[in-house]
Protein backbone atom coordinates (compact mmCIF):
# COMPACT_ATOMS: atom_id res chain seq x y z
CA UNK A 1 5.60 11.37 65.40
CA UNK A 2 6.17 8.78 68.09
CA UNK A 3 2.62 8.84 69.40
CA UNK A 4 3.03 5.52 71.20
CA UNK A 5 5.83 6.75 73.48
CA UNK A 6 5.03 6.30 77.16
CA UNK A 7 6.62 9.45 78.57
CA UNK A 8 5.57 12.77 77.03
CA UNK A 9 6.85 16.05 78.48
CA UNK A 10 7.91 14.16 81.60
CA UNK A 11 4.43 12.69 82.07
CA UNK A 12 4.10 8.90 82.26
CA UNK A 13 1.01 8.51 80.08
CA UNK A 14 0.54 4.88 81.09
CA UNK A 15 -0.26 5.99 84.65
CA UNK A 16 -2.63 8.87 83.94
CA UNK A 17 -5.72 8.72 86.19
CA UNK A 18 -9.33 8.46 85.04
CA UNK A 19 -11.63 10.70 87.06
CA UNK A 20 -15.17 9.65 87.84
CA UNK A 21 -18.04 12.09 87.23
CA UNK A 22 -18.35 12.64 90.97
CA UNK A 23 -14.64 13.46 91.27
CA UNK A 24 -14.85 15.89 88.35
CA UNK A 25 -17.87 17.66 89.82
CA UNK A 26 -16.21 17.97 93.22
CA UNK A 27 -12.97 19.30 91.73
CA UNK A 28 -14.81 21.79 89.55
CA UNK A 29 -16.74 23.13 92.53
CA UNK A 30 -13.40 23.74 94.26
CA UNK A 31 -11.96 25.31 91.09
CA UNK A 32 -14.79 27.83 91.02
CA UNK A 33 -13.87 28.76 94.57
CA UNK A 34 -10.30 29.52 93.46
CA UNK A 35 -8.64 26.27 94.59
CA UNK A 36 -5.43 25.99 92.51
CA UNK A 37 -4.68 22.46 93.71
CA UNK A 38 -8.09 21.32 92.46
CA UNK A 39 -7.37 22.98 89.10
CA UNK A 40 -4.06 21.13 88.81
CA UNK A 41 -5.78 17.85 89.71
CA UNK A 42 -8.50 18.51 87.14
CA UNK A 43 -5.90 19.21 84.44
CA UNK A 44 -3.95 16.06 85.32
CA UNK A 45 -7.15 14.01 85.33
CA UNK A 46 -7.98 15.14 81.76
CA UNK A 47 -4.58 14.63 80.15
CA UNK A 48 -5.85 11.40 78.58
CA UNK A 49 -8.26 13.59 76.60
CA UNK A 50 -5.34 15.64 75.24
CA UNK A 51 -3.44 12.45 74.45
CA UNK A 52 -6.34 11.04 72.43
CA UNK A 53 -6.77 14.28 70.46
CA UNK A 54 -3.13 14.70 69.42
CA UNK A 55 -3.28 11.27 67.78
CA UNK A 56 -5.41 12.90 65.06
CA UNK A 57 -2.38 14.98 64.09
CA UNK A 58 0.20 12.17 64.01
CA UNK A 59 0.87 12.65 60.26
CA UNK A 60 1.97 16.29 60.47
CA UNK A 61 5.60 15.62 61.30
CA UNK A 62 5.38 17.62 64.53
CA UNK A 63 7.09 16.47 67.71
CA UNK A 64 4.61 14.78 70.03
CA UNK A 65 5.88 16.71 73.06
CA UNK A 66 5.15 20.03 71.34
CA UNK A 67 1.63 18.99 70.36
CA UNK A 68 0.98 17.67 73.86
CA UNK A 69 2.00 20.98 75.42
CA UNK A 70 -0.17 22.95 73.01
CA UNK A 71 -3.07 20.59 73.69
CA UNK A 72 -2.61 21.19 77.43
CA UNK A 73 -2.91 24.94 76.83
CA UNK A 74 -6.23 24.30 75.08
CA UNK A 75 -7.30 22.10 78.00
CA UNK A 76 -6.50 24.83 80.53
CA UNK A 77 -8.40 27.41 78.49
CA UNK A 78 -11.37 25.06 78.39
CA UNK A 79 -11.25 24.61 82.18
CA UNK A 80 -11.04 28.36 82.78
CA UNK A 81 -13.99 29.09 80.47
CA UNK A 82 -16.22 26.09 81.20
CA UNK A 83 -19.60 26.85 82.73
CA UNK A 84 -21.73 24.12 84.29
CA UNK A 85 -24.84 25.99 83.17
CA UNK A 86 -23.97 24.99 79.59
CA UNK A 87 -25.46 21.62 80.52
CA UNK A 88 -22.88 19.68 78.51
CA UNK A 89 -20.10 17.33 79.54
CA UNK A 90 -16.72 18.96 79.99
CA UNK A 91 -15.14 16.76 77.30
CA UNK A 92 -17.78 17.90 74.78
CA UNK A 93 -16.83 21.50 75.51
CA UNK A 94 -13.07 20.92 75.73
CA UNK A 95 -12.43 18.85 72.59
CA UNK A 96 -13.05 21.65 70.02
CA UNK A 97 -11.02 24.10 72.13
CA UNK A 98 -8.05 21.72 72.29
CA UNK A 99 -8.27 20.96 68.56
CA UNK A 100 -8.52 24.68 67.80
CA UNK A 101 -5.42 25.43 69.86
CA UNK A 102 -3.44 22.70 68.04
CA UNK A 103 -4.61 23.90 64.64
CA UNK A 104 -3.59 27.47 65.44
CA UNK A 105 -0.17 26.21 66.46
CA UNK A 106 0.21 24.19 63.24
CA UNK A 107 -0.99 27.11 61.16
CA UNK A 108 1.37 29.62 62.81
CA UNK A 109 4.31 27.22 62.50
CA UNK A 110 3.53 26.20 58.94
CA UNK A 111 6.57 26.24 56.66
CA UNK A 112 4.31 27.74 53.96
CA UNK A 113 4.09 31.38 55.03
CA UNK A 114 0.83 33.25 54.49
CA UNK A 115 0.69 37.04 54.52
CA UNK A 116 -0.88 38.77 57.53
CA UNK A 117 -3.55 40.43 55.37
CA UNK A 118 -4.62 37.07 53.91
CA UNK A 119 -4.81 35.52 57.39
CA UNK A 120 -6.87 38.44 58.67
CA UNK A 121 -9.29 38.13 55.77
CA UNK A 122 -9.57 34.38 56.32
CA UNK A 123 -10.30 34.77 60.04
CA UNK A 124 -12.94 37.41 59.31
CA UNK A 125 -14.50 35.02 56.79
CA UNK A 126 -14.58 32.24 59.39
CA UNK A 127 -16.22 34.58 61.90
CA UNK A 128 -18.78 35.61 59.28
CA UNK A 129 -19.48 31.94 58.58
CA UNK A 130 -20.05 31.19 62.27
CA UNK A 131 -22.35 34.24 62.62
CA UNK A 132 -24.36 33.13 59.56
CA UNK A 133 -24.77 29.59 60.95
CA UNK A 134 -25.97 30.98 64.29
CA UNK A 135 -28.51 33.26 62.64
CA UNK A 136 -29.69 31.12 59.73
CA UNK A 137 -29.06 27.60 61.05
CA UNK A 138 -27.32 26.45 57.86
CA UNK A 139 -23.99 26.62 56.06
CA UNK A 140 -23.49 29.86 54.10
CA UNK A 141 -22.55 30.05 50.45
CA UNK A 142 -19.30 31.77 49.64
CA UNK A 143 -21.35 34.68 48.24
CA UNK A 144 -23.07 35.07 51.64
CA UNK A 145 -19.67 35.44 53.30
CA UNK A 146 -18.34 37.85 50.67
CA UNK A 147 -21.49 39.98 50.98
CA UNK A 148 -21.16 40.08 54.77
CA UNK A 149 -17.53 41.21 54.46
CA UNK A 150 -18.28 43.46 51.47
CA UNK A 151 -15.39 41.85 49.62
CA UNK A 152 -15.09 40.17 46.21
CA UNK A 153 -15.73 36.43 46.20
CA UNK A 154 -12.29 35.79 44.71
CA UNK A 155 -10.52 37.45 47.65
CA UNK A 156 -12.48 35.43 50.20
CA UNK A 157 -11.78 32.14 48.39
CA UNK A 158 -8.07 32.98 48.07
CA UNK A 159 -7.81 33.81 51.78
CA UNK A 160 -9.61 30.66 52.93
CA UNK A 161 -7.48 28.48 50.65
CA UNK A 162 -4.32 30.11 51.99
CA UNK A 163 -4.89 28.97 55.58
CA UNK A 164 -5.70 25.37 54.73
CA UNK A 165 -3.22 22.95 56.27
CA UNK A 166 -1.06 21.09 53.72
CA UNK A 167 -1.68 17.34 53.68
CA UNK A 168 0.49 14.39 52.84
CA UNK A 169 0.03 12.47 49.59
CA UNK A 170 0.09 9.37 51.78
CA UNK A 171 -2.90 10.47 53.88
CA UNK A 172 -5.72 7.91 53.48
CA UNK A 173 -9.01 9.20 52.09
CA UNK A 174 -10.78 5.85 52.40
CA UNK A 175 -10.04 2.56 54.10
CA UNK A 176 -11.92 -0.71 54.48
CA UNK A 177 -10.88 -3.96 56.14
CA UNK A 178 -8.34 -4.83 53.48
CA UNK A 179 -7.39 -1.80 51.41
CA UNK A 180 -6.55 1.87 51.85
CA UNK A 181 -7.00 4.56 49.18
CA UNK A 182 -4.45 7.38 49.50
CA UNK A 183 -4.56 10.90 48.09
CA UNK A 184 -1.71 10.08 45.73
CA UNK A 185 -3.90 7.36 44.19
CA UNK A 186 -6.31 10.07 43.05
CA UNK A 187 -3.71 12.45 41.61
CA UNK A 188 -3.81 12.26 37.85
CA UNK A 189 -0.48 12.16 36.01
CA UNK A 190 -0.81 14.18 32.82
CA UNK A 191 2.62 12.98 31.69
CA UNK A 192 3.67 9.60 30.38
CA UNK A 193 0.41 9.09 28.50
CA UNK A 194 2.18 6.73 26.10
CA UNK A 195 3.28 4.56 28.99
CA UNK A 196 -0.26 4.50 30.35
CA UNK A 197 -1.56 3.45 26.91
CA UNK A 198 0.91 0.55 26.78
CA UNK A 199 0.04 -0.45 30.34
CA UNK A 200 -3.65 -0.55 29.45
CA UNK A 201 -2.93 -2.89 26.54
CA UNK A 202 -0.88 -5.17 28.81
CA UNK A 203 -3.65 -5.19 31.44
CA UNK A 204 -6.30 -6.12 28.87
CA UNK A 205 -4.17 -8.97 27.57
CA UNK A 206 -3.56 -10.26 31.09
CA UNK A 207 -7.27 -10.00 31.96
CA UNK A 208 -8.11 -12.25 29.01
CA UNK A 209 -6.19 -15.08 30.68
CA UNK A 210 -8.49 -15.04 33.74
CA UNK A 211 -11.68 -17.03 34.09
CA UNK A 212 -15.05 -15.23 34.10
CA UNK A 213 -15.41 -15.12 37.89
CA UNK A 214 -11.92 -13.67 38.37
CA UNK A 215 -12.55 -11.06 35.68
CA UNK A 216 -15.83 -10.13 37.31
CA UNK A 217 -14.26 -9.74 40.76
CA UNK A 218 -11.38 -7.58 39.50
CA UNK A 219 -13.76 -5.45 37.44
CA UNK A 220 -15.96 -4.80 40.46
CA UNK A 221 -13.00 -4.16 42.75
CA UNK A 222 -10.73 -1.99 40.62
CA UNK A 223 -12.97 -0.51 37.92
CA UNK A 224 -16.20 -0.08 39.86
CA UNK A 225 -14.40 0.77 43.11
CA UNK A 226 -16.33 -1.66 45.30
CA UNK A 227 -15.07 -3.09 48.59
CA UNK A 228 -14.53 -6.80 49.09
CA UNK A 229 -17.65 -6.95 51.27
CA UNK A 230 -19.75 -5.30 48.53
CA UNK A 231 -18.36 -7.72 45.92
CA UNK A 232 -19.09 -10.67 48.22
CA UNK A 233 -22.71 -9.56 48.66
CA UNK A 234 -23.16 -9.06 44.93
CA UNK A 235 -21.84 -12.43 43.78
CA UNK A 236 -23.01 -14.44 46.79
CA UNK A 237 -19.77 -15.63 48.39
CA UNK A 238 -17.87 -14.71 51.56
CA UNK A 239 -15.47 -11.78 51.86
CA UNK A 240 -12.64 -14.24 52.58
CA UNK A 241 -13.36 -16.04 49.29
CA UNK A 242 -13.34 -12.74 47.41
CA UNK A 243 -9.99 -11.86 48.98
CA UNK A 244 -8.51 -15.25 48.06
CA UNK A 245 -9.80 -15.16 44.46
CA UNK A 246 -8.63 -11.59 44.05
CA UNK A 247 -5.08 -12.48 45.15
CA UNK A 248 -4.98 -15.49 42.84
CA UNK A 249 -6.19 -13.40 39.90
CA UNK A 250 -3.65 -10.65 40.55
CA UNK A 251 -0.84 -13.19 40.80
CA UNK A 252 -1.94 -14.68 37.49
CA UNK A 253 -1.95 -11.24 35.86
CA UNK A 254 1.50 -10.37 37.17
CA UNK A 255 2.92 -13.44 35.43
CA UNK A 256 1.72 -12.14 32.08
CA UNK A 257 2.58 -8.45 32.42
């Protein structure tokens, strides 16, 4: 998705205005009096909010113009339902509504089709969860939801799993200053166990050719899962030194594998 494009749906995003609090309050007062021009100005003045939110969905393969339009629908719903007596900023109120509208769009346009009955069960489960949180002030267990719906636990779990958005194997699950860990890095390959066994032997032989400090750094980084900053703190050197020693050690190992 070309999220960095300047013009989206005919809107030049580089020239979108930023409304001050006073301007927003004045426009909202006029909106409540039925002023359509004020409503249009309020929408236009909050398009940057929509633009920032759709960037969260830039790995879904959806066209940016489509997501922007859906986000604008969520924005308009937020404007029409916002109440100043809520005593919260408009953006605080609008963000979950815009995200919800985009997620509904992605769910309804998902290439993996889910039956209507499963979707209905899932939505009822989500409503039961929200009601439980409001009443009890904590997250419910799956048994709490199944009891509220008077349905077997297995059916509730199946329904909730069915509406989960598919994710890319290349979606990062962790990232520090130098490295990113992707979902595919955590997927275990049950095949090619013989190849893995041979690779382990080759790695051990290559590790033997490193000096003690290099071995220690690679062990902490790739077997203990520590970041370069954590390794630097543990052995008393800078993060830049850890990065340099790590690269040297890996180059050395590659020569012997």
